C-alpha atoms as a PDB file:
ATOM      1  CA  MET A   1       0.000   0.000   0.000  1.00  0.00           C
ATOM      2  CA  LYS A   2       1.383   3.379  -1.068  1.00  0.00           C
ATOM      3  CA  LEU A   3       0.127   6.660   0.398  1.00  0.00           C
ATOM      4  CA  ALA A   4       0.768  10.154  -0.995  1.00  0.00           C
ATOM      5  CA  VAL A   5       0.456  12.967   1.542  1.00  0.00           C
ATOM      6  CA  PHE A   6      -0.156  16.421   0.047  1.00  0.00           C
ATOM      7  CA  SER A   7       0.337  19.849   1.681  1.00  0.00           C
ATOM      8  CA  ALA A   8       2.758  18.123   4.032  1.00  0.00           C
ATOM      9  CA  LYS A   9       4.667  20.292   6.465  1.00  0.00           C
ATOM     10  CA  ALA A  10       7.575  19.204   8.633  1.00  0.00           C
ATOM     11  CA  TYR A  11       5.237  18.654  11.573  1.00  0.00           C
ATOM     12  CA  ASP A  12       2.984  16.390   9.469  1.00  0.00           C
ATOM     13  CA  ARG A  13       5.954  14.227   8.541  1.00  0.00           C
ATOM     14  CA  THR A  14       7.127  14.097  12.172  1.00  0.00           C
ATOM     15  CA  TYR A  15       3.819  12.900  13.581  1.00  0.00           C
ATOM     16  CA  PHE A  16       2.844  10.609  10.707  1.00  0.00           C
ATOM     17  CA  ASP A  17       6.250   8.925  10.776  1.00  0.00           C
ATOM     18  CA  LYS A  18       6.072   8.510  14.540  1.00  0.00           C
ATOM     19  CA  VAL A  19       2.565   7.041  14.552  1.00  0.00           C
ATOM     20  CA  SER A  20       3.230   4.931  11.462  1.00  0.00           C
ATOM     21  CA  SER A  21       6.361   3.358  12.931  1.00  0.00           C
ATOM     22  CA  THR A  22       4.834   2.603  16.309  1.00  0.00           C
ATOM     23  CA  ARG A  23       1.278   1.538  15.453  1.00  0.00           C
ATOM     24  CA  PHE A  24       1.008   0.918  11.709  1.00  0.00           C
ATOM     25  CA  ALA A  25       4.489  -0.298  10.769  1.00  0.00           C
ATOM     26  CA  ASP A  26       3.403  -2.637   7.955  1.00  0.00           C
ATOM     27  CA  LEU A  27       0.451  -0.627   6.657  1.00  0.00           C
ATOM     28  CA  CYS A  28       1.964   1.561   3.950  1.00  0.00           C
ATOM     29  CA  THR A  29       4.871   3.485   2.550  1.00  0.00           C
ATOM     30  CA  ILE A  30       4.424   7.256   2.559  1.00  0.00           C
ATOM     31  CA  ASP A  31       5.445   9.832  -0.036  1.00  0.00           C
ATOM     32  CA  TYR A  32       5.293  13.402   1.275  1.00  0.00           C
ATOM     33  CA  HIS A  33       4.588  16.353  -1.025  1.00  0.00           C
ATOM     34  CA  THR A  34       4.933  19.883   0.317  1.00  0.00           C
ATOM     35  CA  PHE A  35       2.647  21.338  -2.354  1.00  0.00           C
ATOM     36  CA  SER A  36      -1.132  21.095  -2.398  1.00  0.00           C
ATOM     37  CA  LEU A  37      -3.230  18.659  -4.375  1.00  0.00           C
ATOM     38  CA  SER A  38      -4.709  20.123  -7.559  1.00  0.00           C
ATOM     39  CA  GLU A  39      -5.469  19.056 -11.090  1.00  0.00           C
ATOM     40  CA  GLU A  40      -1.859  19.895 -11.991  1.00  0.00           C
ATOM     41  CA  THR A  41      -0.304  17.885  -9.154  1.00  0.00           C
ATOM     42  CA  ALA A  42      -2.722  14.942  -9.137  1.00  0.00           C
ATOM     43  CA  PRO A  43      -0.582  12.915 -11.618  1.00  0.00           C
ATOM     44  CA  LEU A  44       2.120  12.708  -8.921  1.00  0.00           C
ATOM     45  CA  ALA A  45      -0.195  10.372  -7.017  1.00  0.00           C
ATOM     46  CA  HIS A  46      -0.329   7.907  -9.898  1.00  0.00           C
ATOM     47  CA  SER A  47       0.742   4.449  -8.742  1.00  0.00           C
ATOM     48  CA  CYS A  48      -0.420   5.358  -5.218  1.00  0.00           C
ATOM     49  CA  ASP A  49      -3.349   3.533  -3.631  1.00  0.00           C
ATOM     50  CA  ALA A  50      -4.422   6.426  -1.426  1.00  0.00           C
ATOM     51  CA  VAL A  51      -3.903  10.136  -0.918  1.00  0.00           C
ATOM     52  CA  CYS A  52      -3.982  12.150   2.300  1.00  0.00           C
ATOM     53  CA  VAL A  53      -5.076  15.787   2.074  1.00  0.00           C
ATOM     54  CA  PHE A  54      -5.757  18.827   4.247  1.00  0.00           C
ATOM     55  CA  VAL A  55      -8.246  21.689   4.324  1.00  0.00           C
ATOM     56  CA  ASN A  56      -6.956  23.700   1.363  1.00  0.00           C
ATOM     57  CA  ASP A  57      -6.324  20.869  -1.090  1.00  0.00           C
ATOM     58  CA  THR A  58      -8.604  20.662  -4.135  1.00  0.00           C
ATOM     59  CA  LEU A  59     -10.809  17.597  -4.464  1.00  0.00           C
ATOM     60  CA  ASP A  60     -13.283  18.614  -7.146  1.00  0.00           C
ATOM     61  CA  GLU A  61     -14.509  16.388  -9.971  1.00  0.00           C
ATOM     62  CA  PRO A  62     -11.496  16.825 -12.309  1.00  0.00           C
ATOM     63  CA  VAL A  63      -9.039  16.054  -9.500  1.00  0.00           C
ATOM     64  CA  LEU A  64     -10.975  13.035  -8.270  1.00  0.00           C
ATOM     65  CA  ARG A  65     -11.256  11.634 -11.787  1.00  0.00           C
ATOM     66  CA  ALA A  66      -7.534  12.157 -12.339  1.00  0.00           C
ATOM     67  CA  LEU A  67      -6.721  10.392  -9.078  1.00  0.00           C
ATOM     68  CA  HIS A  68      -9.034   7.500  -9.900  1.00  0.00           C
ATOM     69  CA  ALA A  69      -7.543   7.132 -13.363  1.00  0.00           C
ATOM     70  CA  GLY A  70      -4.102   6.886 -11.759  1.00  0.00           C
ATOM     71  CA  GLY A  71      -5.101   4.067  -9.445  1.00  0.00           C
ATOM     72  CA  VAL A  72      -6.068   5.947  -6.268  1.00  0.00           C
ATOM     73  CA  ARG A  73      -8.953   4.298  -4.446  1.00  0.00           C
ATOM     74  CA  ALA A  74      -8.952   6.023  -1.043  1.00  0.00           C
ATOM     75  CA  ILE A  75      -9.094   9.702  -0.018  1.00  0.00           C
ATOM     76  CA  LEU A  76      -7.987  10.369   3.543  1.00  0.00           C
ATOM     77  CA  LEU A  77      -8.836  13.771   4.999  1.00  0.00           C
ATOM     78  CA  ARG A  78      -6.647  14.740   7.936  1.00  0.00           C
ATOM     79  CA  CYS A  79      -9.289  17.260   9.001  1.00  0.00           C
ATOM     80  CA  ALA A  80     -12.932  17.279  10.063  1.00  0.00           C
ATOM     81  CA  GLY A  81     -14.381  19.472   7.307  1.00  0.00           C
ATOM     82  CA  PHE A  82     -15.149  18.008   3.895  1.00  0.00           C
ATOM     83  CA  ASN A  83     -16.716  20.966   2.101  1.00  0.00           C
ATOM     84  CA  HIS A  84     -13.811  20.902  -0.376  1.00  0.00           C
ATOM     85  CA  VAL A  85     -14.595  17.346  -1.514  1.00  0.00           C
ATOM     86  CA  ASP A  86     -16.998  16.512  -4.357  1.00  0.00           C
ATOM     87  CA  LEU A  87     -18.610  13.593  -2.553  1.00  0.00           C
ATOM     88  CA  LEU A  88     -21.070  12.868  -5.332  1.00  0.00           C
ATOM     89  CA  THR A  89     -18.236  12.333  -7.809  1.00  0.00           C
ATOM     90  CA  ALA A  90     -16.440  10.217  -5.214  1.00  0.00           C
ATOM     91  CA  GLU A  91     -19.607   8.145  -4.926  1.00  0.00           C
ATOM     92  CA  THR A  92     -19.777   7.690  -8.697  1.00  0.00           C
ATOM     93  CA  LEU A  93     -16.160   6.572  -8.824  1.00  0.00           C
ATOM     94  CA  GLY A  94     -16.525   4.251  -5.852  1.00  0.00           C
ATOM     95  CA  LEU A  95     -13.831   6.033  -3.870  1.00  0.00           C
ATOM     96  CA  PHE A  96     -13.402   5.482  -0.155  1.00  0.00           C
ATOM     97  CA  VAL A  97     -13.421   8.857   1.658  1.00  0.00           C
ATOM     98  CA  ALA A  98     -12.876   9.254   5.391  1.00  0.00           C
ATOM     99  CA  ASN A  99     -12.163  12.189   7.670  1.00  0.00           C
ATOM    100  CA  VAL A 100     -10.964  12.851  11.203  1.00  0.00           C
ATOM    101  CA  PRO A 101     -14.211  14.050  12.787  1.00  0.00           C
ATOM    102  CA  ALA A 102     -12.691  15.110  16.099  1.00  0.00           C
ATOM    103  CA  TYR A 103      -9.105  15.802  17.058  1.00  0.00           C
ATOM    104  CA  SER A 104      -8.638  17.435  20.404  1.00  0.00           C
ATOM    105  CA  PRO A 105     -11.734  19.645  20.183  1.00  0.00           C
ATOM    106  CA  GLU A 106     -10.482  21.388  23.306  1.00  0.00           C
ATOM    107  CA  ALA A 107      -7.489  22.652  21.300  1.00  0.00           C
ATOM    108  CA  VAL A 108      -9.685  24.668  18.935  1.00  0.00           C
ATOM    109  CA  ALA A 109     -12.026  25.754  21.715  1.00  0.00           C
ATOM    110  CA  GLU A 110      -9.120  26.978  23.834  1.00  0.00           C
ATOM    111  CA  PHE A 111      -7.753  28.884  20.844  1.00  0.00           C
ATOM    112  CA  ALA A 112     -11.115  30.576  20.269  1.00  0.00           C
ATOM    113  CA  VAL A 113     -11.049  31.792  23.868  1.00  0.00           C
ATOM    114  CA  THR A 114      -7.434  32.867  23.390  1.00  0.00           C
ATOM    115  CA  LEU A 115      -8.461  35.033  20.442  1.00  0.00           C
ATOM    116  CA  VAL A 116     -11.292  36.587  22.453  1.00  0.00           C
ATOM    117  CA  GLN A 117      -9.028  37.393  25.394  1.00  0.00           C
ATOM    118  CA  THR A 118      -6.247  38.719  23.171  1.00  0.00           C
ATOM    119  CA  LEU A 119      -8.526  40.978  21.151  1.00  0.00           C
ATOM    120  CA  ASN A 120     -10.528  42.078  24.164  1.00  0.00           C
ATOM    121  CA  ARG A 121      -7.611  42.889  26.475  1.00  0.00           C
ATOM    122  CA  LYS A 122      -5.284  43.891  23.601  1.00  0.00           C
ATOM    123  CA  THR A 123      -2.389  41.848  24.941  1.00  0.00           C
ATOM    124  CA  HIS A 124      -0.824  41.662  21.476  1.00  0.00           C
ATOM    125  CA  ARG A 125      -0.612  45.449  21.341  1.00  0.00           C
ATOM    126  CA  ALA A 126       0.618  45.655  24.940  1.00  0.00           C
ATOM    127  CA  TYR A 127       3.378  43.169  24.150  1.00  0.00           C
ATOM    128  CA  ASN A 128       4.610  45.265  21.231  1.00  0.00           C
ATOM    129  CA  ARG A 129       4.518  48.452  23.313  1.00  0.00           C
ATOM    130  CA  VAL A 130       6.547  46.996  26.156  1.00  0.00           C
ATOM    131  CA  ARG A 131       9.109  45.640  23.702  1.00  0.00           C
ATOM    132  CA  GLU A 132       9.744  49.297  22.825  1.00  0.00           C
ATOM    133  CA  SER A 133       9.813  50.355  26.511  1.00  0.00           C
ATOM    134  CA  ASN A 134       6.367  51.941  26.185  1.00  0.00           C
ATOM    135  CA  PHE A 135       4.427  51.144  29.337  1.00  0.00           C
ATOM    136  CA  ASN A 136       1.463  53.438  28.627  1.00  0.00           C
ATOM    137  CA  ILE A 137      -1.815  51.514  28.961  1.00  0.00           C
ATOM    138  CA  GLU A 138      -4.054  54.085  27.273  1.00  0.00           C
ATOM    139  CA  GLY A 139      -5.923  52.502  24.376  1.00  0.00           C
ATOM    140  CA  LEU A 140      -5.726  49.025  25.913  1.00  0.00           C
ATOM    141  CA  LEU A 141      -9.094  49.155  27.685  1.00  0.00           C
ATOM    142  CA  GLY A 142     -11.133  45.958  27.520  1.00  0.00           C
ATOM    143  CA  MET A 143     -14.238  44.509  29.127  1.00  0.00           C
ATOM    144  CA  THR A 144     -14.670  41.985  31.902  1.00  0.00           C
ATOM    145  CA  LEU A 145     -15.967  38.727  30.430  1.00  0.00           C
ATOM    146  CA  HIS A 146     -17.591  37.654  33.707  1.00  0.00           C
ATOM    147  CA  GLY A 147     -21.319  38.286  33.437  1.00  0.00           C
ATOM    148  CA  LYS A 148     -21.284  38.872  29.685  1.00  0.00           C
ATOM    149  CA  THR A 149     -23.314  36.839  27.188  1.00  0.00           C
ATOM    150  CA  VAL A 150     -21.451  34.587  24.759  1.00  0.00           C
ATOM    151  CA  GLY A 151     -23.258  33.132  21.765  1.00  0.00           C
ATOM    152  CA  ILE A 152     -21.999  29.779  20.470  1.00  0.00           C
ATOM    153  CA  VAL A 153     -23.119  28.938  16.933  1.00  0.00           C
ATOM    154  CA  GLY A 154     -22.818  25.178  16.651  1.00  0.00           C
ATOM    155  CA  VAL A 155     -22.523  23.036  19.775  1.00  0.00           C
ATOM    156  CA  GLY A 156     -20.780  19.977  18.426  1.00  0.00           C
ATOM    157  CA  ARG A 157     -17.609  18.772  20.084  1.00  0.00           C
ATOM    158  CA  ILE A 158     -15.694  22.038  19.660  1.00  0.00           C
ATOM    159  CA  GLY A 159     -18.625  24.341  20.349  1.00  0.00           C
ATOM    160  CA  LEU A 160     -19.504  22.375  23.448  1.00  0.00           C
ATOM    161  CA  ALA A 161     -15.915  22.623  24.713  1.00  0.00           C
ATOM    162  CA  ALA A 162     -15.912  26.378  24.050  1.00  0.00           C
ATOM    163  CA  ALA A 163     -19.193  26.811  25.898  1.00  0.00           C
ATOM    164  CA  LYS A 164     -17.778  25.031  28.943  1.00  0.00           C
ATOM    165  CA  ILE A 165     -14.700  27.266  28.990  1.00  0.00           C
ATOM    166  CA  PHE A 166     -16.700  30.479  28.638  1.00  0.00           C
ATOM    167  CA  ARG A 167     -19.050  29.207  31.330  1.00  0.00           C
ATOM    168  CA  GLY A 168     -15.999  28.869  33.565  1.00  0.00           C
ATOM    169  CA  PHE A 169     -15.346  32.575  33.055  1.00  0.00           C
ATOM    170  CA  GLY A 170     -18.790  33.266  34.484  1.00  0.00           C
ATOM    171  CA  CYS A 171     -20.400  34.038  31.141  1.00  0.00           C
ATOM    172  CA  ARG A 172     -24.017  33.491  30.249  1.00  0.00           C
ATOM    173  CA  ILE A 173     -24.137  31.027  27.343  1.00  0.00           C
ATOM    174  CA  LEU A 174     -26.601  31.128  24.458  1.00  0.00           C
ATOM    175  CA  ALA A 175     -26.360  28.547  21.675  1.00  0.00           C
ATOM    176  CA  TYR A 176     -27.851  28.091  18.233  1.00  0.00           C
ATOM    177  CA  ASP A 177     -27.737  24.654  16.644  1.00  0.00           C
ATOM    178  CA  PRO A 178     -30.701  22.953  14.940  1.00  0.00           C
ATOM    179  CA  TYR A 179     -28.955  19.608  15.508  1.00  0.00           C
ATOM    180  CA  ALA A 180     -27.906  20.122  19.120  1.00  0.00           C
ATOM    181  CA  GLY A 181     -27.426  16.872  20.989  1.00  0.00           C
ATOM    182  CA  PRO A 182     -28.240  16.060  24.609  1.00  0.00           C
ATOM    183  CA  GLU A 183     -24.706  17.020  25.673  1.00  0.00           C
ATOM    184  CA  PHE A 184     -25.707  20.686  25.683  1.00  0.00           C
ATOM    185  CA  THR A 185     -27.762  20.903  28.843  1.00  0.00           C
ATOM    186  CA  SER A 186     -29.710  23.697  30.506  1.00  0.00           C
ATOM    187  CA  GLU A 187     -27.025  23.835  33.197  1.00  0.00           C
ATOM    188  CA  LEU A 188     -24.520  24.898  30.536  1.00  0.00           C
ATOM    189  CA  GLY A 189     -26.650  27.391  28.649  1.00  0.00           C
ATOM    190  CA  THR A 190     -29.795  28.060  26.658  1.00  0.00           C
ATOM    191  CA  LEU A 191     -30.634  27.021  23.112  1.00  0.00           C
ATOM    192  CA  VAL A 192     -32.187  29.922  21.209  1.00  0.00           C
ATOM    193  CA  GLU A 193     -32.872  31.000  17.642  1.00  0.00           C
ATOM    194  CA  LEU A 194     -30.029  32.649  15.762  1.00  0.00           C
ATOM    195  CA  ASP A 195     -31.643  36.105  15.836  1.00  0.00           C
ATOM    196  CA  THR A 196     -31.961  35.992  19.618  1.00  0.00           C
ATOM    197  CA  LEU A 197     -28.351  34.886  19.986  1.00  0.00           C
ATOM    198  CA  LEU A 198     -27.086  37.687  17.762  1.00  0.00           C
ATOM    199  CA  GLN A 199     -29.149  40.366  19.470  1.00  0.00           C
ATOM    200  CA  GLU A 200     -28.120  39.436  23.021  1.00  0.00           C
ATOM    201  CA  SER A 201     -24.501  38.282  22.752  1.00  0.00           C
ATOM    202  CA  HIS A 202     -21.451  40.400  23.541  1.00  0.00           C
ATOM    203  CA  VAL A 203     -19.309  37.739  21.852  1.00  0.00           C
ATOM    204  CA  VAL A 204     -20.392  35.465  18.988  1.00  0.00           C
ATOM    205  CA  SER A 205     -18.167  32.441  18.348  1.00  0.00           C
ATOM    206  CA  LEU A 206     -18.681  30.279  15.246  1.00  0.00           C
ATOM    207  CA  HIS A 207     -18.234  26.505  15.562  1.00  0.00           C
ATOM    208  CA  CYS A 208     -20.455  25.114  12.800  1.00  0.00           C
ATOM    209  CA  PRO A 209     -19.433  23.283   9.606  1.00  0.00           C
ATOM    210  CA  LEU A 210     -19.357  24.960   6.197  1.00  0.00           C
ATOM    211  CA  THR A 211     -22.197  23.706   4.010  1.00  0.00           C
ATOM    212  CA  GLU A 212     -24.326  25.360   1.359  1.00  0.00           C
ATOM    213  CA  GLY A 213     -26.760  26.173   4.144  1.00  0.00           C
ATOM    214  CA  THR A 214     -24.170  27.879   6.349  1.00  0.00           C
ATOM    215  CA  ARG A 215     -22.055  29.620   3.698  1.00  0.00           C
ATOM    216  CA  HIS A 216     -21.972  33.352   4.525  1.00  0.00           C
ATOM    217  CA  LEU A 217     -24.068  32.711   7.613  1.00  0.00           C
ATOM    218  CA  MET A 218     -22.652  35.990   8.858  1.00  0.00           C
ATOM    219  CA  ASN A 219     -23.611  38.483   6.164  1.00  0.00           C
ATOM    220  CA  GLY A 220     -24.862  42.037   5.975  1.00  0.00           C
ATOM    221  CA  THR A 221     -28.265  41.070   7.366  1.00  0.00           C
ATOM    222  CA  THR A 222     -27.115  38.917  10.259  1.00  0.00           C
ATOM    223  CA  LEU A 223     -24.280  41.274  11.200  1.00  0.00           C
ATOM    224  CA  ALA A 224     -26.809  44.105  11.462  1.00  0.00           C
ATOM    225  CA  ARG A 225     -28.771  42.023  13.975  1.00  0.00           C
ATOM    226  CA  MET A 226     -25.819  41.691  16.324  1.00  0.00           C
ATOM    227  CA  LYS A 227     -25.560  43.735  19.486  1.00  0.00           C
ATOM    228  CA  PRO A 228     -23.737  46.952  18.492  1.00  0.00           C
ATOM    229  CA  GLY A 229     -20.088  46.725  19.478  1.00  0.00           C
ATOM    230  CA  ALA A 230     -20.113  42.939  19.873  1.00  0.00           C
ATOM    231  CA  MET A 231     -17.141  40.761  18.950  1.00  0.00           C
ATOM    232  CA  LEU A 232     -17.227  38.097  16.233  1.00  0.00           C
ATOM    233  CA  VAL A 233     -14.886  35.095  16.411  1.00  0.00           C
ATOM    234  CA  ASN A 234     -14.410  32.397  13.773  1.00  0.00           C
ATOM    235  CA  THR A 235     -12.217  29.323  14.287  1.00  0.00           C
ATOM    236  CA  SER A 236     -14.276  27.025  12.072  1.00  0.00           C
ATOM    237  CA  ARG A 237     -14.335  27.719   8.304  1.00  0.00           C
ATOM    238  CA  GLY A 238     -13.700  31.006   6.542  1.00  0.00           C
ATOM    239  CA  GLY A 239     -16.708  30.679   4.250  1.00  0.00           C
ATOM    240  CA  LEU A 240     -19.076  31.116   7.178  1.00  0.00           C
ATOM    241  CA  ILE A 241     -18.373  34.843   6.962  1.00  0.00           C
ATOM    242  CA  ASP A 242     -19.016  37.309   4.151  1.00  0.00           C
ATOM    243  CA  THR A 243     -15.757  39.200   4.555  1.00  0.00           C
ATOM    244  CA  ALA A 244     -16.853  42.250   2.577  1.00  0.00           C
ATOM    245  CA  ALA A 245     -19.884  42.609   4.862  1.00  0.00           C
ATOM    246  CA  VAL A 246     -17.639  42.315   7.924  1.00  0.00           C
ATOM    247  CA  ILE A 247     -15.479  45.164   6.636  1.00  0.00           C
ATOM    248  CA  GLU A 248     -18.566  47.368   6.251  1.00  0.00           C
ATOM    249  CA  ALA A 249     -19.743  46.434   9.763  1.00  0.00           C
ATOM    250  CA  LEU A 250     -16.327  47.372  11.142  1.00  0.00           C
ATOM    251  CA  LYS A 251     -16.352  50.702   9.323  1.00  0.00           C
ATOM    252  CA  THR A 252     -19.768  51.605  10.767  1.00  0.00           C
ATOM    253  CA  HIS A 253     -18.685  50.392  14.266  1.00  0.00           C
ATOM    254  CA  GLN A 254     -21.510  47.845  14.301  1.00  0.00           C
ATOM    255  CA  LEU A 255     -18.825  45.283  15.081  1.00  0.00           C
ATOM    256  CA  GLY A 256     -16.596  46.019  18.050  1.00  0.00           C
ATOM    257  CA  GLY A 257     -13.946  43.553  16.965  1.00  0.00           C
ATOM    258  CA  VAL A 258     -13.257  40.522  14.803  1.00  0.00           C
ATOM    259  CA  ALA A 259     -10.935  37.595  15.550  1.00  0.00           C
ATOM    260  CA  LEU A 260     -10.328  35.123  12.727  1.00  0.00           C
ATOM    261  CA  ASP A 261      -8.293  31.957  12.554  1.00  0.00           C
ATOM    262  CA  VAL A 262      -9.791  31.203   9.135  1.00  0.00           C
ATOM    263  CA  TYR A 263     -10.510  33.245   6.016  1.00  0.00           C
ATOM    264  CA  GLU A 264     -12.733  32.422   3.059  1.00  0.00           C
ATOM    265  CA  ALA A 265      -9.931  32.952   0.502  1.00  0.00           C
ATOM    266  CA  GLU A 266      -7.168  31.432   2.623  1.00  0.00           C
ATOM    267  CA  SER A 267      -6.252  28.557   0.303  1.00  0.00           C
ATOM    268  CA  GLU A 268      -3.747  30.617  -1.697  1.00  0.00           C
ATOM    269  CA  LEU A 269      -2.069  32.102   1.371  1.00  0.00           C
ATOM    270  CA  PHE A 270      -2.324  30.155   4.612  1.00  0.00           C
ATOM    271  CA  TYR A 271       0.344  27.664   5.726  1.00  0.00           C
ATOM    272  CA  ASN A 272       3.029  29.283   3.573  1.00  0.00           C
ATOM    273  CA  ASP A 273       5.489  32.147   4.055  1.00  0.00           C
ATOM    274  CA  HIS A 274       4.587  35.155   1.890  1.00  0.00           C
ATOM    275  CA  SER A 275       6.547  37.712   3.912  1.00  0.00           C
ATOM    276  CA  GLY A 276       8.759  38.606   0.952  1.00  0.00           C
ATOM    277  CA  GLU A 277       5.882  38.981  -1.481  1.00  0.00           C
ATOM    278  CA  ILE A 278       3.225  41.537  -2.310  1.00  0.00           C
ATOM    279  CA  ILE A 279      -0.130  40.149  -1.210  1.00  0.00           C
ATOM    280  CA  GLU A 280      -2.688  40.717  -3.951  1.00  0.00           C
ATOM    281  CA  ASP A 281      -5.718  39.965  -1.802  1.00  0.00           C
ATOM    282  CA  ASP A 282      -7.087  43.479  -1.243  1.00  0.00           C
ATOM    283  CA  VAL A 283      -9.873  42.273   1.043  1.00  0.00           C
ATOM    284  CA  LEU A 284      -7.498  40.594   3.464  1.00  0.00           C
ATOM    285  CA  MET A 285      -5.144  43.573   3.363  1.00  0.00           C
ATOM    286  CA  ARG A 286      -8.053  45.895   4.208  1.00  0.00           C
ATOM    287  CA  LEU A 287      -8.971  43.702   7.168  1.00  0.00           C
ATOM    288  CA  LEU A 288      -5.445  43.936   8.485  1.00  0.00           C
ATOM    289  CA  THR A 289      -5.673  47.733   8.657  1.00  0.00           C
ATOM    290  CA  PHE A 290      -8.264  47.662  11.439  1.00  0.00           C
ATOM    291  CA  PRO A 291      -6.840  47.919  14.956  1.00  0.00           C
ATOM    292  CA  ASN A 292      -9.738  45.820  16.285  1.00  0.00           C
ATOM    293  CA  VAL A 293      -9.134  42.872  13.958  1.00  0.00           C
ATOM    294  CA  LEU A 294      -6.966  39.903  14.901  1.00  0.00           C
ATOM    295  CA  ILE A 295      -6.096  37.311  12.233  1.00  0.00           C
ATOM    296  CA  CYS A 296      -4.142  34.078  12.636  1.00  0.00           C
ATOM    297  CA  GLY A 297      -3.181  31.496  10.023  1.00  0.00           C
ATOM    298  CA  HIS A 298      -5.567  28.615  10.819  1.00  0.00           C
ATOM    299  CA  GLN A 299      -3.618  27.292  13.778  1.00  0.00           C
ATOM    300  CA  GLY A 300      -6.401  26.530  16.228  1.00  0.00           C
ATOM    301  CA  PHE A 301      -5.830  22.789  15.895  1.00  0.00           C
ATOM    302  CA  PHE A 302      -2.050  23.082  16.266  1.00  0.00           C
ATOM    303  CA  THR A 303      -1.166  21.162  19.416  1.00  0.00           C
ATOM    304  CA  ARG A 304       0.922  18.049  19.991  1.00  0.00           C
ATOM    305  CA  GLU A 305      -2.140  16.140  21.101  1.00  0.00           C
ATOM    306  CA  ALA A 306      -4.158  17.105  18.024  1.00  0.00           C
ATOM    307  CA  LEU A 307      -1.382  16.227  15.575  1.00  0.00           C
ATOM    308  CA  THR A 308      -0.975  12.822  17.213  1.00  0.00           C
ATOM    309  CA  GLU A 309      -4.713  12.212  16.992  1.00  0.00           C
ATOM    310  CA  ILE A 310      -4.869  13.332  13.363  1.00  0.00           C
ATOM    311  CA  ALA A 311      -2.102  10.945  12.320  1.00  0.00           C
ATOM    312  CA  THR A 312      -3.537   8.094  14.370  1.00  0.00           C
ATOM    313  CA  VAL A 313      -7.106   8.370  13.095  1.00  0.00           C
ATOM    314  CA  THR A 314      -6.010   8.971   9.483  1.00  0.00           C
ATOM    315  CA  LEU A 315      -3.862   5.841   9.425  1.00  0.00           C
ATOM    316  CA  SER A 316      -6.555   3.913  11.279  1.00  0.00           C
ATOM    317  CA  ASN A 317      -9.021   4.896   8.544  1.00  0.00           C
ATOM    318  CA  LEU A 318      -6.557   3.622   5.948  1.00  0.00           C
ATOM    319  CA  SER A 319      -6.137   0.405   7.922  1.00  0.00           C
ATOM    320  CA  ASP A 320      -9.903  -0.137   7.854  1.00  0.00           C
ATOM    321  CA  PHE A 321      -9.927   0.408   4.092  1.00  0.00           C
ATOM    322  CA  VAL A 322      -7.070  -2.002   3.493  1.00  0.00           C
ATOM    323  CA  GLY A 323      -8.611  -4.612   5.767  1.00  0.00           C
ATOM    324  CA  GLY A 324     -12.044  -4.287   4.206  1.00  0.00           C
ATOM    325  CA  ARG A 325     -13.537  -3.350   7.549  1.00  0.00           C
ATOM    326  CA  SER A 326     -16.369  -0.934   8.240  1.00  0.00           C
ATOM    327  CA  CYS A 327     -14.919   2.504   8.978  1.00  0.00           C
ATOM    328  CA  ALA A 328     -16.746   4.734  11.440  1.00  0.00           C
ATOM    329  CA  ASN A 329     -15.353   7.855   9.756  1.00  0.00           C
ATOM    330  CA  SER A 330     -16.331   6.991   6.179  1.00  0.00           C
ATOM    331  CA  LEU A 331     -18.070   9.686   4.178  1.00  0.00           C
ATOM    332  CA  VAL A 332     -18.290   7.580   1.020  1.00  0.00           C
ATOM    333  CA  THR A 333     -17.908   3.820   0.948  1.00  0.00           C
ATOM    334  CA  GLU A 334     -19.150   0.973  -1.208  1.00  0.00           C
ATOM    335  CA  GLY A 335     -20.566   3.444  -3.720  1.00  0.00           C
ATOM    336  CA  HIS A 336     -22.793   5.334  -1.299  1.00  0.00           C
ATOM    337  CA  VAL A 337     -22.531   8.836   0.124  1.00  0.00           C
ATOM    338  CA  LEU A 338     -23.007   8.357   3.830  1.00  0.00           C
ATOM    339  CA  VAL A 339     -22.995  12.066   4.640  1.00  0.00           C
ATOM    340  CA  LYS A 340     -24.568  14.672   2.371  1.00  0.00           C
ATOM    341  CA  PRO A 341     -22.390  17.806   2.366  1.00  0.00           C
ATOM    342  CA  ASP A 342     -25.262  20.290   2.086  1.00  0.00           C
ATOM    343  CA  THR A 343     -27.649  18.879   4.678  1.00  0.00           C
ATOM    344  CA  ALA A 344     -25.715  16.854   7.242  1.00  0.00           C
ATOM    345  CA  PRO A 345     -25.815  17.757  10.939  1.00  0.00           C
ATOM    346  CA  VAL A 346     -22.043  17.475  11.156  1.00  0.00           C
ATOM    347  CA  ARG A 347     -20.676  17.705  14.663  1.00  0.00           C
ATOM    348  CA  LEU A 348     -17.390  19.592  14.645  1.00  0.00           C
END
């Protein structure tokens, strides 16, 4: 069995090699490619039985057909989201597709809270001031989170973990999720409609999957319904937010701050060093001019525990495929789409 890993960074190689050697020694040989999977790079997977991809790799119909023609029969996603995969084409081709539905959900939840605290208390700006021997605290005023209302959009594994952390700060928790499970109890918070959540929350944190139904969930209309001066946080998928509408809401002061670990046009930028280049994305560059905007490069998952879990579950999915066993994380198997990308109540 030969596996091609695309968009592979040094840390991917480290953790995949470690897990492979200790738990899946005879499963496969691995070829690592630092570049992303696309129609142009798909031929490099020819003669491979499976490919492993990440959030910004392309898995549309042309790519899937090219992979299939080259002998690939399994698509392994080392992420939870699968909005970038044409599952219907995968079904037609009989491809096995499996994801990693949960990898240290606390890691992403903790990072969401980190973004809120950083943006709210302006610790990033304070750090830069002190580095220049400027100990003036004017302009660094924040709010006390205790007693404030936090709205969690999507209470799957990550959203639930975030709600518990914010609850520990003494926040009132509101949640919107049409597929909320029994894990979200009345002791933790209150399930409400989205409009109610937006109108009452001082902080809105997004933890829902990106589907056709949630794309641009935060748009001009929904942003206008938010409490004036509230903070918006997104550690899920960039496409949940209409970035142009966010810029307008920042300009009118409807939004008090925005913290993003994801961006809807991130695929051409994130995970690579562009510090010596001119960035041509005018929307992103405009966002970066706001003093009340904090942007990171999709690192919420980036912990030792999460990387170990990602490698372990990915190779376990491959092991199930090779062994002909039922795989709990399959999205497409035996010619059937098990999870519809536009309607599924995916728990992130």
